[in-house]
N, C-alpha and C. Protein backbone atom coordinates (compact mmCIF):
# COMPACT_ATOMS: atom_id res chain seq x y z
N UNK A 1 13.88 8.04 -16.98
CA UNK A 1 13.73 8.19 -15.79
C UNK A 1 12.43 9.01 -15.28
N UNK A 2 11.81 9.31 -14.49
CA UNK A 2 10.52 9.45 -14.26
C UNK A 2 10.63 10.81 -13.07
N UNK A 3 9.73 11.64 -13.35
CA UNK A 3 10.52 12.55 -12.05
C UNK A 3 8.40 12.84 -10.94
N UNK A 4 10.14 13.08 -10.25
CA UNK A 4 8.92 13.42 -9.46
C UNK A 4 8.11 14.52 -8.61
N UNK A 5 6.86 15.26 -8.73
CA UNK A 5 6.78 16.63 -8.56
C UNK A 5 5.94 16.02 -7.92
N UNK A 6 6.44 17.46 -6.52
CA UNK A 6 4.54 17.35 -5.49
C UNK A 6 4.05 18.41 -5.91
N UNK A 7 2.94 18.02 -5.85
CA UNK A 7 2.13 19.89 -6.27
C UNK A 7 0.94 19.42 -4.45
N UNK A 8 1.30 18.78 -4.00
CA UNK A 8 0.84 18.67 -2.54
C UNK A 8 0.11 20.31 -2.03
N UNK A 9 1.79 20.64 -2.04
CA UNK A 9 1.74 21.96 -0.78
C UNK A 9 0.47 23.16 -1.36
N UNK A 10 0.33 23.22 -2.86
CA UNK A 10 -0.91 23.27 -3.84
C UNK A 10 -2.38 23.15 -2.97
N UNK A 11 -2.48 21.59 -3.13
CA UNK A 11 -3.56 22.01 -2.44
C UNK A 11 -3.84 22.49 -1.19
N UNK A 12 -2.78 22.05 -0.36
CA UNK A 12 -3.05 21.96 1.20
C UNK A 12 -3.23 23.98 1.47
N UNK A 13 -2.10 25.12 0.63
CA UNK A 13 -3.01 26.22 0.46
C UNK A 13 -3.87 26.48 -0.33
N UNK A 14 -4.78 26.18 -0.92
CA UNK A 14 -5.78 26.35 -1.84
C UNK A 14 -7.09 25.68 -0.47
N UNK A 15 -6.88 24.63 0.05
CA UNK A 15 -7.84 24.30 1.08
C UNK A 15 -7.76 25.34 2.41
N UNK A 16 -6.27 25.13 2.77
CA UNK A 16 -6.23 26.06 3.63
C UNK A 16 -5.80 24.57 5.34
N UNK A 17 -5.40 23.26 4.29
CA UNK A 17 -4.87 23.04 5.93
C UNK A 17 -3.52 22.47 5.78
N UNK A 18 -2.81 22.89 6.49
CA UNK A 18 -1.37 22.66 6.73
C UNK A 18 -1.18 20.91 7.30
N UNK A 19 -1.16 20.16 6.57
CA UNK A 19 -0.98 18.23 6.73
C UNK A 19 0.80 18.27 7.32
N UNK A 20 1.17 17.26 7.54
CA UNK A 20 2.31 17.08 7.83
C UNK A 20 2.39 16.04 6.88
N UNK A 21 3.17 15.86 5.76
CA UNK A 21 3.78 15.52 5.26
C UNK A 21 4.75 14.21 5.45
N UNK A 22 3.82 13.01 4.92
CA UNK A 22 4.54 11.54 5.50
C UNK A 22 5.83 10.98 4.67
N UNK A 23 6.03 11.15 3.43
CA UNK A 23 7.13 10.91 2.80
C UNK A 23 7.93 12.13 2.69
N UNK A 24 8.12 13.11 3.49
CA UNK A 24 9.41 13.74 3.80
C UNK A 24 10.31 13.94 2.49
N UNK A 25 9.75 15.20 1.65
CA UNK A 25 10.22 15.36 0.91
C UNK A 25 11.44 16.68 1.02
N UNK A 26 12.56 16.54 0.21
CA UNK A 26 14.07 17.34 -0.16
C UNK A 26 13.29 17.63 -1.03
N UNK A 27 13.80 19.07 -1.27
CA UNK A 27 14.20 19.56 -2.59
C UNK A 27 15.10 19.07 -3.04
N UNK A 28 14.99 19.22 -4.55
CA UNK A 28 16.92 18.74 -5.52
C UNK A 28 17.90 20.28 -5.00
N UNK A 29 17.46 21.48 -4.84
CA UNK A 29 18.21 22.21 -4.72
C UNK A 29 18.53 22.56 -2.26
N UNK A 30 18.41 21.87 -1.83
CA UNK A 30 18.83 21.92 -1.05
C UNK A 30 19.29 20.71 -1.35
N UNK A 31 20.27 19.65 -1.52
CA UNK A 31 20.61 18.22 -0.86
C UNK A 31 21.92 19.18 -0.45
N UNK A 32 22.50 20.06 -0.55
CA UNK A 32 24.14 19.77 0.05
C UNK A 32 23.83 21.29 1.35
N UNK A 33 22.47 20.98 2.55
CA UNK A 33 22.22 21.55 3.02
C UNK A 33 22.67 20.84 4.23
N UNK A 34 23.44 21.39 5.50
CA UNK A 34 23.58 20.18 6.46
C UNK A 34 22.11 19.07 7.09
N UNK A 35 20.92 19.87 6.93
CA UNK A 35 19.85 19.24 7.48
C UNK A 35 19.74 18.06 6.92
N UNK A 36 19.74 18.64 5.12
CA UNK A 36 19.80 17.74 4.27
C UNK A 36 20.52 15.81 4.16
N UNK A 37 21.88 16.87 4.89
CA UNK A 37 23.17 15.39 4.61
C UNK A 37 23.18 14.65 6.27
N UNK A 38 22.00 15.30 7.12
CA UNK A 38 22.64 14.65 8.57
C UNK A 38 20.65 13.17 7.97
N UNK A 39 20.08 14.24 7.69
CA UNK A 39 19.16 13.15 7.00
C UNK A 39 19.92 11.85 6.33
N UNK A 40 20.35 11.98 5.43
CA UNK A 40 21.14 10.88 4.20
C UNK A 40 22.12 10.12 5.31
N UNK A 41 22.34 10.70 5.94
CA UNK A 41 23.71 10.12 6.51
C UNK A 41 22.87 8.83 7.57
N UNK A 42 21.93 9.40 8.19
CA UNK A 42 20.95 8.84 9.14
C UNK A 42 20.34 7.87 8.47
N UNK A 43 19.94 7.95 7.55
CA UNK A 43 19.30 6.59 6.77
C UNK A 43 20.28 5.69 5.56
N UNK A 44 21.52 5.41 6.18
CA UNK A 44 22.34 4.60 5.73
C UNK A 44 23.80 5.68 4.39
N UNK A 45 22.48 7.20 3.34
CA UNK A 45 23.43 6.92 2.28
C UNK A 45 24.68 7.38 2.65
N UNK A 46 26.33 7.09 2.10
CA UNK A 46 27.32 8.01 2.08
C UNK A 46 26.98 8.90 0.64
N UNK A 47 27.23 9.82 1.47
CA UNK A 47 27.37 11.21 0.85
C UNK A 47 28.36 11.37 -0.42
N UNK A 48 29.69 10.69 0.01
CA UNK A 48 30.42 10.63 -0.63
C UNK A 48 31.03 9.66 -2.02
N UNK A 49 30.82 8.74 -1.68
CA UNK A 49 30.59 7.51 -2.59
C UNK A 49 29.93 8.05 -4.05
N UNK A 50 30.84 6.91 -4.86
CA UNK A 50 30.97 7.40 -6.52
C UNK A 50 29.40 7.29 -6.33
N UNK A 51 28.55 6.21 -5.96
CA UNK A 51 26.81 5.35 -6.29
C UNK A 51 26.35 6.71 -6.12
N UNK A 52 26.29 7.34 -4.73
CA UNK A 52 25.61 8.38 -4.15
C UNK A 52 25.95 9.62 -5.38
N UNK A 53 26.82 9.92 -5.98
CA UNK A 53 26.98 11.36 -6.93
C UNK A 53 26.47 10.85 -8.54
N UNK A 54 26.76 9.43 -9.09
CA UNK A 54 26.67 9.96 -9.89
C UNK A 54 24.65 9.76 -10.12
N UNK A 55 23.63 8.63 -8.67
CA UNK A 55 22.21 8.74 -8.95
C UNK A 55 21.95 10.28 -8.03
N UNK A 56 22.50 11.63 -7.75
CA UNK A 56 22.91 12.38 -7.72
C UNK A 56 22.77 13.51 -8.88
N UNK A 57 23.87 12.62 -9.81
CA UNK A 57 23.98 14.20 -11.24
C UNK A 57 22.92 13.16 -12.29
N UNK A 58 22.08 12.43 -11.90
CA UNK A 58 20.87 11.46 -12.75
C UNK A 58 19.58 12.57 -12.37
N UNK A 59 19.72 12.67 -11.45
CA UNK A 59 18.54 13.33 -10.92
C UNK A 59 18.60 15.03 -11.51
N UNK A 60 19.69 15.49 -10.80
CA UNK A 60 20.04 16.46 -11.20
C UNK A 60 19.32 17.22 -12.74
N UNK A 61 20.26 15.97 -13.51
CA UNK A 61 20.64 15.90 -14.91
C UNK A 61 18.14 16.01 -15.36
N UNK A 62 17.96 15.37 -14.77
CA UNK A 62 16.51 15.69 -15.44
C UNK A 62 15.64 16.16 -14.98
N UNK A 63 16.22 17.13 -13.80
CA UNK A 63 14.74 17.67 -13.22
C UNK A 63 15.94 19.14 -13.24
N UNK A 64 15.05 20.04 -12.60
CA UNK A 64 16.13 21.49 -11.93
C UNK A 64 15.99 21.40 -10.34
N UNK A 65 16.27 22.49 -9.54
CA UNK A 65 15.88 22.60 -8.35
C UNK A 65 14.53 22.66 -7.76
N UNK A 66 13.42 22.75 -8.35
CA UNK A 66 12.35 23.13 -7.68
C UNK A 66 11.92 21.62 -7.50
N UNK A 67 12.37 20.22 -7.83
CA UNK A 67 11.78 19.64 -7.83
C UNK A 67 12.25 18.81 -6.98
N UNK A 68 11.36 17.39 -6.30
CA UNK A 68 11.59 16.72 -4.97
C UNK A 68 11.78 15.16 -4.96
N UNK A 69 12.20 15.24 -4.06
CA UNK A 69 12.95 13.39 -3.57
C UNK A 69 12.41 13.41 -2.62
N UNK A 70 13.54 12.13 -2.42
CA UNK A 70 12.88 11.53 -0.42
C UNK A 70 13.71 10.35 -0.96
N UNK A 71 14.63 10.09 0.25
CA UNK A 71 15.23 9.88 0.61
C UNK A 71 15.27 8.10 0.15
N UNK A 72 14.23 7.10 0.35
CA UNK A 72 14.38 6.56 -0.76
C UNK A 72 14.45 6.30 -2.05
N UNK A 73 13.78 7.18 -2.94
CA UNK A 73 13.93 7.77 -4.01
C UNK A 73 14.95 7.25 -4.40
N UNK A 74 16.04 8.23 -3.57
CA UNK A 74 17.63 8.17 -3.80
C UNK A 74 18.44 6.69 -3.65
N UNK A 75 17.89 6.11 -3.07
CA UNK A 75 18.22 4.34 -2.47
C UNK A 75 17.82 3.49 -3.28
N UNK A 76 17.08 4.04 -4.30
CA UNK A 76 16.18 3.01 -5.42
C UNK A 76 16.91 3.88 -6.47
N UNK A 77 17.91 4.77 -6.83
CA UNK A 77 18.55 5.26 -7.74
C UNK A 77 19.68 4.79 -8.21
N UNK A 78 19.95 4.58 -6.63
CA UNK A 78 21.64 4.47 -6.33
C UNK A 78 21.02 2.60 -6.13
N UNK A 79 20.52 2.05 -6.61
CA UNK A 79 21.20 0.80 -6.80
C UNK A 79 21.05 0.43 -7.66
N UNK A 80 20.46 1.00 -8.82
CA UNK A 80 20.91 1.21 -10.28
C UNK A 80 22.53 1.21 -10.69
N UNK A 81 23.84 2.03 -9.52
CA UNK A 81 24.90 2.10 -10.16
C UNK A 81 25.54 1.26 -9.50
N UNK A 82 26.67 1.07 -9.19
CA UNK A 82 27.89 0.26 -9.04
C UNK A 82 29.10 1.06 -7.85
N UNK A 83 29.81 0.57 -7.20
CA UNK A 83 30.22 1.09 -6.12
C UNK A 83 31.09 2.37 -7.33
N UNK A 84 31.94 1.91 -8.26
CA UNK A 84 32.35 2.91 -9.18
C UNK A 84 31.43 4.45 -9.52
N UNK A 85 30.46 3.69 -10.00
CA UNK A 85 29.18 4.90 -10.16
C UNK A 85 29.36 5.06 -11.71
N UNK A 86 29.24 3.62 -11.72
CA UNK A 86 28.54 3.06 -12.92
C UNK A 86 27.91 3.02 -13.31
N UNK A 87 26.51 2.70 -14.44
CA UNK A 87 25.64 2.16 -14.49
C UNK A 87 25.51 0.72 -14.97
N UNK A 88 24.12 0.43 -13.42
CA UNK A 88 23.94 -0.85 -13.65
C UNK A 88 23.31 -1.47 -15.28
N UNK A 89 23.16 -2.24 -15.80
CA UNK A 89 22.15 -2.33 -17.19
C UNK A 89 20.57 -3.27 -16.47
N UNK A 90 19.36 -3.21 -17.10
CA UNK A 90 18.56 -3.51 -16.29
C UNK A 90 18.44 -5.03 -16.85
N UNK A 91 19.20 -4.91 -17.98
CA UNK A 91 19.18 -6.35 -18.52
C UNK A 91 20.05 -7.56 -18.99
N UNK A 92 21.24 -7.13 -18.81
CA UNK A 92 22.16 -7.79 -18.05
C UNK A 92 23.47 -8.37 -17.14
N UNK A 93 22.75 -7.11 -15.75
CA UNK A 93 23.15 -6.78 -14.90
C UNK A 93 24.77 -6.65 -15.17
N UNK A 94 25.40 -6.08 -16.04
CA UNK A 94 26.40 -6.03 -16.58
C UNK A 94 26.51 -3.83 -16.36
N UNK A 95 28.27 -3.89 -16.50
CA UNK A 95 28.30 -2.68 -15.60
C UNK A 95 29.26 -1.64 -17.19
N UNK A 96 29.25 -0.96 -16.94
CA UNK A 96 30.59 -0.32 -17.70
C UNK A 96 30.19 -0.28 -19.05
N UNK A 97 29.32 -0.24 -19.76
CA UNK A 97 28.36 -0.50 -21.23
C UNK A 97 28.17 1.59 -21.72
N UNK A 98 27.56 1.86 -21.08
CA UNK A 98 27.33 3.46 -21.02
C UNK A 98 28.45 4.23 -21.05
N UNK A 99 28.85 4.25 -21.85
CA UNK A 99 30.30 5.49 -21.91
C UNK A 99 29.26 6.65 -21.75
N UNK A 100 29.48 8.01 -20.73
CA UNK A 100 29.22 8.88 -20.46
C UNK A 100 30.78 9.82 -20.80
N UNK A 101 30.28 11.25 -20.30
CA UNK A 101 31.60 12.73 -20.60
C UNK A 101 32.19 11.93 -19.41
N UNK A 102 31.72 11.50 -18.01
CA UNK A 102 31.70 11.50 -16.94
C UNK A 102 32.79 9.79 -16.32
N UNK A 103 32.84 9.20 -17.14
CA UNK A 103 33.63 7.97 -17.44
C UNK A 103 34.70 8.07 -18.60
N UNK A 104 34.42 8.68 -19.84
CA UNK A 104 34.75 8.64 -20.95
C UNK A 104 36.34 8.27 -20.42
N UNK A 105 37.17 8.72 -19.53
CA UNK A 105 38.59 8.96 -19.67
C UNK A 105 39.28 7.16 -19.42
N UNK A 106 38.13 6.83 -18.18
CA UNK A 106 38.65 5.42 -18.13
C UNK A 106 38.64 4.29 -18.57
N UNK A 107 37.89 4.70 -19.67
CA UNK A 107 37.80 3.28 -20.79
C UNK A 107 39.09 3.68 -21.55
N UNK A 108 39.18 4.54 -22.00
CA UNK A 108 40.82 5.13 -23.20
C UNK A 108 42.02 4.54 -22.65
N UNK A 109 42.07 3.48 -23.90
CA UNK A 109 43.50 3.22 -23.95
C UNK A 109 44.45 3.28 -23.93
C-alpha cells in the first residue's frame, strides 16, 4: 500500500501563504473525532462496518498517526474488502485466501 504524506503545510508556512486545501485531508490520529466521524457518515461510509474497520486497520498498520488520508482514499481502500472485512484478491476476485490474526479463528475447523 502506498503512503500518502502531505507536505503542503510546510510549503504554505514557508512561503507565507495560507491556501485552503481542496483535498480535505484527515489526519489518521484524528479518525475517531466526532467531526471526522460526521464527515465520513456524510460521505456514505458506515464506520461500524467490518469493511471500514479492515481498511482503517490496514491504514494504521502501514503508517503512523502523523499520516494523512481523505474520504476518497478510504473508499478506495474499502473497495478492496468484502462485507466481512476479508481482503479481495485483485487477481482472482476471491476472498478469504489471506489468513491474518484477525480472521484466523473463523477459518479453523
